Amino acid sequence: MQNKPNKLWIATLLLGWTFDFLFWNKGLGVNFAIFTSLCVIGTFYLLLSEGLRPHRATLILLPLFGFFAAVTFTRAEPMTVFLAILFTFLAMILIASSYLGGRWLQYTLADYVIKPVLLFVSMLWRPIGFLVETAKVKKEDAAEPAKSALWPILRGLLIAIPVVAIFASLLASADLIFSQRLGDFVKLFNLERLPEYIARLILIASVAYGLMGVALHAINESRDEKITADGKPLIPAFLGFTESAIVLGSVIVLFALFVTIQFQYFFGGHANINVAGYTYSEYAVRGFNELVTTAFLALAMLLSLSAITRRETEKQRWIYSGLGVALVALLLVMLFSAYQRLNLYEAVYGFSRLRTYTHVVLYWIGLLLIVTLILEILRREKYFTLALLCASFGFAISLPLLNVDAFIVNQNIRHGITLSEIPVAGVSRSEDALDEQYFIQLSDDAIPALVSALKDPSVAEDLSEQVGASLACIQNARHTTDEKPTWQAFHWSRFQADLALDSVSRILAKYELTGEDWNPTVIAPSGREFQCLPVYMD
């Protein structure tokens, strides 16, 4: 890149201007996917033009990057979008950090902390070092450096502007017609927005500067000559086998006692709750968070002990692996207990976003525990970081594929139909009812599912009216608050929601809205009234 500094400057400045064009006073939409894609394409172009080809392992990251970038404008559910943005950046960091070496699959947890820090440092200082080095090379290569015409022009303009401004103000005072023409000319530049222009120029320069640092980091630091796994461990093994065996054995005994007591409830469902004398809420909610937290902490304890425990003989290694397998097996049983509690709770009270996230993450935690057990048996503990990374990617991929808000709508409507046909003893009718107010706070992803339910003749009339009331509230809120988005903020989910609402506009016209704008009331065709204030569920 030393031979083509202008190419690097031009590419990064163009990307900086593109960032301003796509994001200044614009909402999040397709602009994020466009900009991040241009950044990756621009980096590959600059490096390939220098003859630097990416490692094959690095190319694995491109489909992941493309998937998460696309999710940012095809899904609107907040957690899904947040994770999509986070993992898009993670994929970009890994591409920049392992472009030439391709060893990201061998990174440890320490590398996933160190590599982003090193990339950030490169963004701060590498552009300065690059400019200094480029100037030095030019000076050494040319006996008489070529003079650039750009800087004299800029200096001349800087001197001329205040001089011309002084004389223009004097002439404007001398002649009213000239003053009017001068005012018209100045209005063309809209100088009252000068602070905004300055801020945008600074933004463009800052983005270009940071992207230059990323490109230079990929050129100079992405070979991965040295990663944490190649050297000595950060914390050498110092704990004796006996001490670790006592800790693991004690925890295993405690977990075994807990599992023994819990085992009678795993398969009994509703009947065992009544026998134990608990309500649904007490049984399903109490202890769920503690069980999941216990699983995380126990797994972290096992991995920490594995890193710091000395196993000097083959017998010690087999005993330690056996204890690890027993601990993970008990954790799987406890995780199943947590899963059963969540299922029981959802069977009565339906789904919310938090319950859906938890439902999905339990699958991935369980899979991670199984993989950890296999790695412990095969003595391949060093691959745990890769397993954790795959589980994290898997969870983030699952949410957009599931379409969280549409899933909640479909499950809760089905739940409402089931409870209306087969009431659950001990649950009041107010808890049975479809919670149409919760639908109001869901994102645009939920609207096509709500419209489908409204059109579905198999949905009972009372449930259909609740769905219609939700859509009437949503439509009213969109008409009163939505602004026409620019193409940069185009969002596929919003587009689909608009089409779905238009398809039932005649049905929704039968729902009358009354009351205050901040708290309208919907009157359904049957005369039932519904509030438009959203209700939040845990």
Protein backbone atom coordinates (compact mmCIF):
# COMPACT_ATOMS: atom_id res chain seq x y z
CA MET A 1 0.00 0.00 0.00
CA GLN A 2 3.03 2.23 0.30
CA ASN A 3 3.08 2.54 -3.49
CA LYS A 4 -0.57 3.58 -3.75
CA PRO A 5 -1.39 5.89 -0.84
CA ASN A 6 -3.77 7.98 -2.94
CA LYS A 7 -5.92 4.92 -3.67
CA LEU A 8 -6.29 4.29 0.06
CA TRP A 9 -7.16 7.94 0.78
CA ILE A 10 -9.70 8.13 -2.04
CA ALA A 11 -11.38 4.83 -1.07
CA THR A 12 -11.71 5.70 2.60
CA LEU A 13 -12.90 9.27 1.92
CA LEU A 14 -15.55 7.92 -0.46
CA LEU A 15 -16.69 5.52 2.27
CA GLY A 16 -16.75 8.40 4.75
CA TRP A 17 -18.93 10.45 2.40
CA THR A 18 -21.14 7.39 1.83
CA PHE A 19 -21.62 7.06 5.60
CA ASP A 20 -22.76 10.68 5.78
CA PHE A 21 -25.07 10.25 2.80
CA LEU A 22 -26.67 7.09 4.15
CA PHE A 23 -27.00 7.93 7.85
CA TRP A 24 -27.19 11.69 8.43
CA ASN A 25 -30.71 12.35 9.77
CA LYS A 26 -31.81 8.94 8.51
CA GLY A 27 -33.33 6.05 10.43
CA LEU A 28 -31.90 2.54 10.49
CA GLY A 29 -32.83 0.52 7.45
CA VAL A 30 -31.11 -0.80 4.37
CA ASN A 31 -28.41 1.86 4.84
CA PHE A 32 -26.59 -0.24 7.47
CA ALA A 33 -26.35 -3.27 5.19
CA ILE A 34 -25.24 -1.12 2.24
CA PHE A 35 -22.53 0.69 4.19
CA THR A 36 -21.07 -2.36 5.93
CA SER A 37 -21.08 -4.27 2.63
CA LEU A 38 -19.24 -1.41 0.90
CA CYS A 39 -16.69 -1.39 3.73
CA VAL A 40 -15.98 -5.11 3.30
CA ILE A 41 -15.92 -4.86 -0.51
CA GLY A 42 -13.64 -1.80 -0.35
CA THR A 43 -11.22 -3.53 2.03
CA PHE A 44 -11.06 -6.65 -0.14
CA TYR A 45 -10.49 -4.49 -3.23
CA LEU A 46 -7.62 -2.55 -1.63
CA LEU A 47 -5.91 -5.68 -0.35
CA LEU A 48 -6.42 -7.70 -3.52
CA SER A 49 -5.01 -4.82 -5.57
CA GLU A 50 -1.83 -5.19 -3.50
CA GLY A 51 -1.72 -8.93 -4.25
CA LEU A 52 -2.90 -9.89 -0.75
CA ARG A 53 -5.37 -12.75 -1.02
CA PRO A 54 -7.59 -13.73 1.93
CA HIS A 55 -7.12 -17.03 3.72
CA ARG A 56 -9.76 -19.64 2.89
CA ALA A 57 -10.89 -19.80 6.51
CA THR A 58 -11.57 -16.05 6.43
CA LEU A 59 -13.98 -16.53 3.53
CA ILE A 60 -16.23 -18.58 5.85
CA LEU A 61 -17.08 -15.33 7.60
CA LEU A 62 -18.53 -13.69 4.47
CA PRO A 63 -21.85 -15.64 4.42
CA LEU A 64 -22.27 -14.97 8.15
CA PHE A 65 -21.59 -11.29 7.60
CA GLY A 66 -24.06 -11.14 4.70
CA PHE A 67 -26.79 -12.92 6.69
CA PHE A 68 -26.58 -10.64 9.72
CA ALA A 69 -26.29 -7.49 7.59
CA ALA A 70 -29.48 -8.49 5.73
CA VAL A 71 -31.33 -9.18 9.00
CA THR A 72 -30.93 -5.52 10.04
CA PHE A 73 -33.45 -4.43 7.40
CA THR A 74 -35.62 -7.56 7.15
CA ARG A 75 -36.51 -7.94 10.83
CA ALA A 76 -37.71 -5.21 13.20
CA GLU A 77 -37.84 -7.02 16.56
CA PRO A 78 -35.37 -5.13 18.84
CA MET A 79 -33.29 -8.03 20.20
CA THR A 80 -33.03 -9.62 16.75
CA VAL A 81 -31.81 -6.36 15.22
CA PHE A 82 -29.40 -5.68 18.10
CA LEU A 83 -27.79 -9.11 17.78
CA ALA A 84 -27.68 -8.77 13.99
CA ILE A 85 -25.75 -5.49 14.28
CA LEU A 86 -23.48 -6.93 16.98
CA PHE A 87 -22.61 -10.05 14.99
CA THR A 88 -22.18 -8.07 11.77
CA PHE A 89 -19.50 -6.04 13.53
CA LEU A 90 -18.02 -9.21 15.05
CA ALA A 91 -17.71 -10.78 11.59
CA MET A 92 -16.06 -7.59 10.28
CA ILE A 93 -13.61 -7.55 13.21
CA LEU A 94 -12.69 -11.18 12.57
CA ILE A 95 -12.23 -10.52 8.84
CA ALA A 96 -9.91 -7.57 9.53
CA SER A 97 -8.01 -9.47 12.24
CA SER A 98 -7.49 -12.75 10.36
CA TYR A 99 -7.67 -11.73 6.69
CA LEU A 100 -4.28 -13.22 5.80
CA GLY A 101 -3.80 -15.77 8.58
CA GLY A 102 -7.31 -17.19 8.84
CA ARG A 103 -6.74 -18.52 12.36
CA TRP A 104 -9.90 -17.11 13.92
CA LEU A 105 -11.18 -20.66 14.39
CA GLN A 106 -8.28 -21.23 16.82
CA TYR A 107 -8.81 -18.07 18.87
CA THR A 108 -9.21 -18.43 22.62
CA LEU A 109 -11.38 -16.25 24.82
CA ALA A 110 -8.32 -14.06 25.43
CA ASP A 111 -7.92 -13.52 21.67
CA TYR A 112 -11.54 -12.39 21.38
CA VAL A 113 -10.70 -9.69 23.89
CA ILE A 114 -7.24 -8.78 22.58
CA LYS A 115 -7.97 -8.70 18.84
CA PRO A 116 -10.73 -6.03 18.96
CA VAL A 117 -8.53 -3.91 21.24
CA LEU A 118 -5.61 -4.17 18.81
CA LEU A 119 -7.90 -3.26 15.92
CA PHE A 120 -9.16 -0.20 17.79
CA VAL A 121 -5.58 0.88 18.53
CA SER A 122 -4.73 0.50 14.83
CA MET A 123 -7.69 2.70 13.91
CA LEU A 124 -6.24 5.44 16.14
CA TRP A 125 -2.56 5.48 15.23
CA ARG A 126 -1.87 3.52 12.03
CA PRO A 127 -3.18 6.25 9.64
CA ILE A 128 -0.75 8.76 11.18
CA GLY A 129 2.14 6.32 10.92
CA PHE A 130 1.16 5.54 7.33
CA LEU A 131 1.15 9.21 6.32
CA VAL A 132 4.52 9.86 7.98
CA GLU A 133 6.06 6.80 6.34
CA THR A 134 4.62 7.72 2.93
CA ALA A 135 6.05 11.24 3.15
CA LYS A 136 9.46 9.82 4.14
CA VAL A 137 9.48 7.37 1.21
CA LYS A 138 8.61 10.11 -1.26
CA LYS A 139 11.37 12.29 0.09
CA GLU A 140 13.94 9.50 -0.21
CA ASP A 141 12.85 8.38 -3.69
CA ALA A 142 12.81 11.82 -5.33
CA ALA A 143 15.85 14.07 -5.48
CA GLU A 144 13.52 17.01 -5.90
CA PRO A 145 10.04 16.24 -4.58
CA ALA A 146 7.22 17.00 -6.94
CA LYS A 147 5.19 19.96 -5.82
CA SER A 148 1.49 19.53 -5.47
CA ALA A 149 -0.81 22.22 -6.85
CA LEU A 150 -3.55 21.36 -4.35
CA TRP A 151 -2.07 22.91 -1.21
CA PRO A 152 -1.26 26.31 -2.80
CA ILE A 153 -4.85 26.48 -4.08
CA LEU A 154 -6.26 25.69 -0.64
CA ARG A 155 -3.98 28.27 1.03
CA GLY A 156 -4.98 30.86 -1.54
CA LEU A 157 -8.69 30.22 -0.93
CA LEU A 158 -8.26 30.47 2.83
CA ILE A 159 -6.57 33.86 2.44
CA ALA A 160 -8.98 35.12 -0.23
CA ILE A 161 -12.26 34.29 1.57
CA PRO A 162 -11.94 36.74 4.48
CA VAL A 163 -10.55 39.46 2.17
CA VAL A 164 -13.43 39.11 -0.30
CA ALA A 165 -15.93 38.99 2.60
CA ILE A 166 -14.70 42.37 3.95
CA PHE A 167 -14.90 44.11 0.58
CA ALA A 168 -18.28 42.51 -0.21
CA SER A 169 -19.78 43.82 3.05
CA LEU A 170 -18.50 47.34 2.29
CA LEU A 171 -19.92 47.28 -1.26
CA ALA A 172 -23.22 45.92 0.01
CA SER A 173 -23.50 48.86 2.36
CA ALA A 174 -22.82 51.21 -0.54
CA ASP A 175 -25.53 49.89 -2.89
CA LEU A 176 -28.91 48.35 -1.98
CA ILE A 177 -29.34 46.47 -5.27
CA PHE A 178 -25.89 44.93 -4.93
CA SER A 179 -26.73 44.07 -1.32
CA GLN A 180 -29.90 42.28 -2.44
CA ARG A 181 -28.07 40.35 -5.15
CA LEU A 182 -25.32 39.44 -2.71
CA GLY A 183 -27.92 38.21 -0.21
CA ASP A 184 -29.54 36.02 -2.86
CA PHE A 185 -26.14 34.61 -3.71
CA VAL A 186 -25.32 33.85 -0.06
CA LYS A 187 -28.68 32.09 0.40
CA LEU A 188 -27.62 29.57 -2.22
CA PHE A 189 -25.03 28.29 0.24
CA ASN A 190 -27.50 28.20 3.19
CA LEU A 191 -24.83 29.49 5.56
CA GLU A 192 -27.10 29.21 8.60
CA ARG A 193 -26.42 25.49 8.34
CA LEU A 194 -22.67 26.06 8.42
CA PRO A 195 -22.27 24.32 11.85
CA GLU A 196 -24.04 21.27 10.42
CA TYR A 197 -21.75 21.26 7.37
CA ILE A 198 -18.69 21.46 9.60
CA ALA A 199 -19.98 18.62 11.78
CA ARG A 200 -20.63 16.46 8.74
CA LEU A 201 -17.16 17.15 7.33
CA ILE A 202 -15.64 16.13 10.66
CA LEU A 203 -17.79 12.99 10.63
CA ILE A 204 -16.69 12.10 7.08
CA ALA A 205 -13.02 12.65 7.96
CA SER A 206 -13.35 10.60 11.17
CA VAL A 207 -15.00 7.66 9.41
CA ALA A 208 -12.40 7.77 6.62
CA TYR A 209 -9.58 7.91 9.18
CA GLY A 210 -10.93 4.92 11.12
CA LEU A 211 -11.51 2.84 7.98
CA MET A 212 -7.97 3.59 6.84
CA GLY A 213 -6.76 2.20 10.16
CA VAL A 214 -8.83 -0.96 9.64
CA ALA A 215 -7.40 -1.51 6.14
CA LEU A 216 -3.84 -0.97 7.37
CA HIS A 217 -4.45 -3.34 10.27
CA ALA A 218 -5.64 -6.02 7.85
CA ILE A 219 -2.47 -5.52 5.78
CA ASN A 220 0.01 -5.54 8.65
CA GLU A 221 -1.57 -7.49 11.53
CA SER A 222 -3.92 -10.10 10.05
CA ARG A 223 -1.38 -12.86 9.49
CA ASP A 224 -1.96 -14.13 13.04
CA GLU A 225 1.67 -15.14 13.43
CA LYS A 226 1.00 -15.41 17.13
CA ILE A 227 -2.20 -16.09 19.02
CA THR A 228 -2.78 -16.97 22.66
CA ALA A 229 -3.09 -20.69 21.93
CA ASP A 230 0.50 -20.81 20.56
CA GLY A 231 2.21 -19.68 23.74
CA LYS A 232 2.08 -20.47 27.41
CA PRO A 233 -1.34 -20.20 29.09
CA LEU A 234 -2.12 -16.82 30.63
CA ILE A 235 -2.58 -18.53 34.02
CA PRO A 236 -0.34 -21.61 34.51
CA ALA A 237 -1.82 -24.66 36.23
CA PHE A 238 -1.20 -24.22 39.95
CA LEU A 239 -4.00 -26.08 41.74
CA GLY A 240 -3.49 -29.67 42.81
CA PHE A 241 -5.60 -32.53 41.53
CA THR A 242 -6.88 -33.43 45.02
CA GLU A 243 -8.22 -29.93 45.68
CA SER A 244 -10.02 -29.79 42.33
CA ALA A 245 -11.45 -33.28 42.75
CA ILE A 246 -12.87 -32.34 46.17
CA VAL A 247 -14.49 -29.18 44.73
CA LEU A 248 -16.00 -31.01 41.76
CA GLY A 249 -17.09 -33.96 43.85
CA SER A 250 -18.83 -31.75 46.41
CA VAL A 251 -20.73 -29.87 43.72
CA ILE A 252 -21.70 -33.14 42.01
CA VAL A 253 -23.14 -34.53 45.28
CA LEU A 254 -25.14 -31.32 45.80
CA PHE A 255 -26.48 -31.36 42.24
CA ALA A 256 -27.34 -35.07 42.52
CA LEU A 257 -29.42 -34.42 45.64
CA PHE A 258 -31.26 -31.60 43.89
CA VAL A 259 -31.93 -33.70 40.79
CA THR A 260 -33.22 -36.60 42.93
CA ILE A 261 -35.78 -34.34 44.59
CA GLN A 262 -36.76 -32.73 41.29
CA PHE A 263 -37.01 -35.94 39.28
CA GLN A 264 -40.60 -36.73 40.33
CA TYR A 265 -41.78 -33.46 38.76
CA PHE A 266 -40.09 -33.80 35.35
CA PHE A 267 -42.77 -35.87 33.67
CA GLY A 268 -45.88 -35.27 35.79
CA GLY A 269 -46.70 -31.80 34.47
CA HIS A 270 -49.91 -30.25 35.83
CA ALA A 271 -50.74 -33.10 38.22
CA ASN A 272 -47.49 -32.85 40.17
CA ILE A 273 -47.89 -29.10 40.58
CA ASN A 274 -51.24 -29.61 42.28
CA VAL A 275 -49.86 -32.42 44.45
CA ALA A 276 -47.00 -30.21 45.60
CA GLY A 277 -49.49 -27.47 46.45
CA TYR A 278 -47.97 -24.81 44.19
CA THR A 279 -49.68 -22.46 41.77
CA TYR A 280 -48.50 -22.30 38.17
CA SER A 281 -46.70 -19.05 38.77
CA GLU A 282 -44.95 -20.31 41.92
CA TYR A 283 -43.79 -23.53 40.32
CA ALA A 284 -42.84 -22.28 36.87
CA VAL A 285 -41.28 -18.93 37.72
CA ARG A 286 -39.66 -19.59 41.07
CA GLY A 287 -36.16 -20.96 40.58
CA PHE A 288 -36.05 -20.76 36.79
CA ASN A 289 -33.52 -17.93 36.71
CA GLU A 290 -31.55 -19.61 39.50
CA LEU A 291 -31.35 -22.88 37.54
CA VAL A 292 -30.07 -21.18 34.40
CA THR A 293 -27.59 -19.11 36.44
CA THR A 294 -26.41 -22.27 38.19
CA ALA A 295 -25.77 -23.92 34.82
CA PHE A 296 -23.68 -20.97 33.62
CA LEU A 297 -21.67 -20.71 36.84
CA ALA A 298 -21.06 -24.46 37.07
CA LEU A 299 -19.86 -24.57 33.47
CA ALA A 300 -17.56 -21.59 34.10
CA MET A 301 -16.25 -23.32 37.25
CA LEU A 302 -15.52 -26.52 35.34
CA LEU A 303 -13.64 -24.69 32.59
CA SER A 304 -11.69 -22.58 35.09
CA LEU A 305 -10.66 -25.63 37.10
CA SER A 306 -9.64 -27.41 33.88
CA ALA A 307 -7.30 -24.53 33.07
CA ILE A 308 -5.61 -24.29 36.48
CA THR A 309 -5.58 -27.93 37.69
CA ARG A 310 -2.41 -30.03 37.46
CA ARG A 311 -3.12 -33.56 36.19
CA GLU A 312 0.22 -35.32 36.33
CA THR A 313 -0.77 -38.95 35.72
CA GLU A 314 -3.07 -40.73 33.33
CA LYS A 315 -5.21 -41.91 36.22
CA GLN A 316 -5.73 -38.33 37.42
CA ARG A 317 -6.71 -37.26 33.92
CA TRP A 318 -9.33 -40.04 33.66
CA ILE A 319 -10.75 -39.30 37.12
CA TYR A 320 -10.97 -35.57 36.37
CA SER A 321 -12.67 -36.24 33.02
CA GLY A 322 -15.14 -38.55 34.76
CA LEU A 323 -16.00 -35.88 37.30
CA GLY A 324 -16.41 -33.35 34.50
CA VAL A 325 -18.72 -35.69 32.58
CA ALA A 326 -20.81 -36.30 35.72
CA LEU A 327 -21.11 -32.56 36.38
CA VAL A 328 -22.17 -31.78 32.81
CA ALA A 329 -24.68 -34.65 32.82
CA LEU A 330 -26.29 -33.29 35.99
CA LEU A 331 -26.34 -29.80 34.50
CA LEU A 332 -28.22 -31.17 31.49
CA VAL A 333 -30.83 -32.70 33.79
CA MET A 334 -31.16 -29.39 35.69
CA LEU A 335 -31.48 -27.54 32.41
CA PHE A 336 -34.25 -29.92 31.43
CA SER A 337 -35.98 -29.03 34.71
CA ALA A 338 -35.76 -25.34 33.83
CA TYR A 339 -37.13 -26.13 30.35
CA GLN A 340 -40.09 -27.99 31.85
CA ARG A 341 -40.89 -25.08 34.16
CA LEU A 342 -40.83 -22.66 31.23
CA ASN A 343 -43.10 -24.93 29.16
CA LEU A 344 -45.63 -25.10 31.96
CA TYR A 345 -45.63 -21.34 32.38
CA GLU A 346 -46.06 -20.74 28.64
CA ALA A 347 -48.85 -23.34 28.45
CA VAL A 348 -50.95 -21.18 30.79
CA TYR A 349 -49.80 -17.60 30.27
CA GLY A 350 -48.62 -17.68 26.66
CA PHE A 351 -45.43 -16.31 25.11
CA SER A 352 -43.64 -13.00 25.53
CA ARG A 353 -40.38 -11.80 24.03
CA LEU A 354 -38.37 -12.65 27.14
CA ARG A 355 -39.91 -16.12 27.37
CA THR A 356 -39.21 -16.71 23.69
CA TYR A 357 -35.56 -15.61 24.01
CA THR A 358 -35.18 -17.90 27.01
CA HIS A 359 -36.84 -20.79 25.20
CA VAL A 360 -34.40 -20.51 22.30
CA VAL A 361 -31.31 -19.95 24.42
CA LEU A 362 -32.05 -23.07 26.49
CA TYR A 363 -31.64 -25.21 23.37
CA TRP A 364 -28.27 -23.66 22.63
CA ILE A 365 -27.07 -23.91 26.24
CA GLY A 366 -28.05 -27.59 26.22
CA LEU A 367 -26.21 -28.16 22.94
CA LEU A 368 -23.15 -26.33 24.32
CA LEU A 369 -23.18 -28.57 27.41
CA ILE A 370 -23.34 -31.70 25.24
CA VAL A 371 -20.41 -30.47 23.12
CA THR A 372 -18.50 -29.59 26.31
CA LEU A 373 -19.09 -33.13 27.59
CA ILE A 374 -17.78 -34.60 24.31
CA LEU A 375 -14.72 -32.33 24.35
CA GLU A 376 -14.00 -33.34 27.94
CA ILE A 377 -14.17 -37.05 27.06
CA LEU A 378 -11.91 -36.53 24.00
CA ARG A 379 -9.65 -34.16 25.98
CA ARG A 380 -10.06 -31.40 23.44
CA GLU A 381 -10.90 -28.64 25.91
CA LYS A 382 -9.05 -26.07 23.79
CA TYR A 383 -11.95 -26.14 21.30
CA PHE A 384 -14.45 -24.90 23.87
CA THR A 385 -14.06 -21.29 22.68
CA LEU A 386 -14.99 -22.37 19.16
CA ALA A 387 -17.99 -24.27 20.54
CA LEU A 388 -19.06 -21.19 22.50
CA LEU A 389 -18.68 -19.02 19.38
CA CYS A 390 -20.78 -21.45 17.32
CA ALA A 391 -23.48 -21.51 20.00
CA SER A 392 -23.52 -17.70 20.10
CA PHE A 393 -23.81 -17.47 16.32
CA GLY A 394 -26.48 -20.16 16.41
CA PHE A 395 -28.60 -18.26 18.92
CA ALA A 396 -28.28 -15.02 16.94
CA ILE A 397 -29.23 -16.84 13.70
CA SER A 398 -32.20 -18.59 15.35
CA LEU A 399 -34.05 -15.39 16.28
CA PRO A 400 -34.49 -13.96 12.73
CA LEU A 401 -35.28 -17.41 11.34
CA LEU A 402 -37.92 -17.86 14.04
CA ASN A 403 -39.28 -14.31 13.53
CA VAL A 404 -39.84 -13.67 17.24
CA ASP A 405 -42.81 -11.28 17.15
CA ALA A 406 -44.70 -13.26 14.50
CA PHE A 407 -44.03 -16.43 16.54
CA ILE A 408 -45.46 -14.76 19.67
CA VAL A 409 -48.63 -13.74 17.81
CA ASN A 410 -49.18 -17.20 16.33
CA GLN A 411 -48.50 -19.02 19.60
CA ASN A 412 -50.64 -16.71 21.74
CA ILE A 413 -53.60 -16.87 19.37
CA ARG A 414 -53.34 -20.65 19.37
CA HIS A 415 -53.02 -20.48 23.16
CA GLY A 416 -56.16 -18.34 23.35
CA ILE A 417 -58.09 -20.79 21.19
CA THR A 418 -56.95 -23.74 23.32
CA LEU A 419 -57.86 -22.14 26.64
CA SER A 420 -61.24 -21.01 25.35
CA GLU A 421 -62.00 -24.62 24.44
CA ILE A 422 -60.27 -26.35 27.38
CA PRO A 423 -60.06 -24.00 30.41
CA VAL A 424 -57.28 -24.72 32.89
CA ALA A 425 -58.40 -25.15 36.49
CA GLY A 426 -57.16 -22.53 38.88
CA VAL A 427 -56.64 -19.84 36.21
CA SER A 428 -59.08 -16.94 36.07
CA ARG A 429 -60.78 -15.83 32.87
CA SER A 430 -58.82 -12.55 32.90
CA GLU A 431 -55.67 -14.64 32.60
CA ASP A 432 -57.24 -16.82 29.90
CA ALA A 433 -58.06 -13.95 27.59
CA LEU A 434 -55.92 -13.14 24.61
CA ASP A 435 -53.82 -10.15 25.68
CA GLU A 436 -54.42 -7.90 22.70
CA GLN A 437 -52.71 -4.97 24.44
CA TYR A 438 -49.41 -6.86 24.42
CA PHE A 439 -49.61 -7.16 20.63
CA ILE A 440 -49.62 -3.35 20.35
CA GLN A 441 -46.02 -3.05 21.58
CA LEU A 442 -44.67 -5.65 19.15
CA SER A 443 -42.74 -4.59 16.07
CA ASP A 444 -43.78 -4.52 12.42
CA ASP A 445 -42.78 -8.20 12.22
CA ALA A 446 -46.00 -9.05 14.10
CA ILE A 447 -48.41 -7.22 11.79
CA PRO A 448 -48.58 -9.77 8.92
CA ALA A 449 -49.25 -12.54 11.48
CA LEU A 450 -52.00 -10.47 13.12
CA VAL A 451 -53.58 -9.77 9.74
CA SER A 452 -53.50 -13.48 8.88
CA ALA A 453 -55.24 -14.25 12.18
CA LEU A 454 -57.88 -11.58 11.49
CA LYS A 455 -58.63 -13.15 8.11
CA ASP A 456 -58.63 -16.72 9.47
CA PRO A 457 -62.25 -17.98 9.69
CA SER A 458 -61.24 -20.66 12.22
CA VAL A 459 -60.46 -18.00 14.85
CA ALA A 460 -63.42 -17.44 17.15
CA GLU A 461 -65.27 -14.12 16.88
CA ASP A 462 -64.26 -12.82 20.32
CA LEU A 463 -60.57 -13.57 19.65
CA SER A 464 -60.83 -12.10 16.15
CA GLU A 465 -62.22 -8.87 17.60
CA GLN A 466 -59.29 -8.66 20.00
CA VAL A 467 -56.88 -9.06 17.09
CA GLY A 468 -58.80 -6.43 15.10
CA ALA A 469 -58.64 -4.03 18.05
CA SER A 470 -54.87 -4.50 18.25
CA LEU A 471 -54.51 -3.75 14.53
CA ALA A 472 -56.77 -0.70 14.82
CA CYS A 473 -54.57 0.67 17.60
CA ILE A 474 -51.41 -0.08 15.61
CA GLN A 475 -52.84 1.54 12.46
CA ASN A 476 -53.87 4.63 14.40
CA ALA A 477 -50.40 4.96 15.95
CA ARG A 478 -48.72 4.61 12.55
CA HIS A 479 -50.94 7.28 10.99
CA THR A 480 -50.28 9.77 13.81
CA THR A 481 -46.56 9.24 14.35
CA ASP A 482 -44.98 7.75 11.24
CA GLU A 483 -43.05 9.98 8.88
CA LYS A 484 -42.31 9.13 5.28
CA PRO A 485 -38.91 7.38 5.47
CA THR A 486 -36.21 8.05 2.91
CA TRP A 487 -34.97 5.23 0.73
CA GLN A 488 -31.87 4.94 2.93
CA ALA A 489 -34.13 3.96 5.84
CA PHE A 490 -36.15 1.46 3.76
CA HIS A 491 -37.10 -1.53 5.88
CA TRP A 492 -38.57 -4.71 4.44
CA SER A 493 -40.51 -5.46 7.62
CA ARG A 494 -42.20 -2.03 7.52
CA PHE A 495 -43.00 -2.51 3.83
CA GLN A 496 -44.62 -5.89 4.49
CA ALA A 497 -46.56 -4.46 7.44
CA ASP A 498 -47.94 -1.63 5.28
CA LEU A 499 -49.12 -4.10 2.64
CA ALA A 500 -50.76 -6.29 5.28
CA LEU A 501 -52.60 -3.36 6.90
CA ASP A 502 -53.81 -2.12 3.51
CA SER A 503 -55.28 -5.55 2.80
CA VAL A 504 -57.61 -5.31 5.84
CA SER A 505 -58.34 -1.57 5.73
CA ARG A 506 -62.07 -2.22 5.10
CA ILE A 507 -62.33 -4.51 8.11
CA LEU A 508 -60.45 -2.07 10.37
CA ALA A 509 -62.72 0.77 9.22
CA LYS A 510 -65.47 -0.90 11.28
CA TYR A 511 -63.47 -0.28 14.49
CA GLU A 512 -64.13 3.17 15.95
CA LEU A 513 -61.45 5.05 17.89
CA THR A 514 -62.49 7.45 20.66
CA GLY A 515 -60.86 9.21 23.58
CA GLU A 516 -57.58 11.08 23.93
CA ASP A 517 -54.85 10.79 21.30
CA TRP A 518 -52.37 9.50 23.90
CA ASN A 519 -54.81 6.86 25.18
CA PRO A 520 -57.45 6.05 22.55
CA THR A 521 -60.17 3.47 23.03
CA VAL A 522 -61.23 1.09 20.26
CA ILE A 523 -64.90 0.15 19.95
CA ALA A 524 -65.30 -3.13 18.07
CA PRO A 525 -68.28 -3.86 15.78
CA SER A 526 -69.91 -5.84 18.62
CA GLY A 527 -69.64 -2.84 20.96
CA ARG A 528 -66.77 -4.21 23.08
CA GLU A 529 -64.18 -1.64 24.13
CA PHE A 530 -60.41 -2.13 24.09
CA GLN A 531 -57.62 0.13 25.36
CA CYS A 532 -54.70 1.05 23.12
CA LEU A 533 -52.11 1.41 25.88
CA PRO A 534 -49.57 -1.41 25.48
CA VAL A 535 -49.07 -3.95 28.27
CA TYR A 536 -45.59 -5.28 28.98
CA MET A 537 -45.01 -8.93 29.89
CA ASP A 538 -41.94 -10.52 31.42
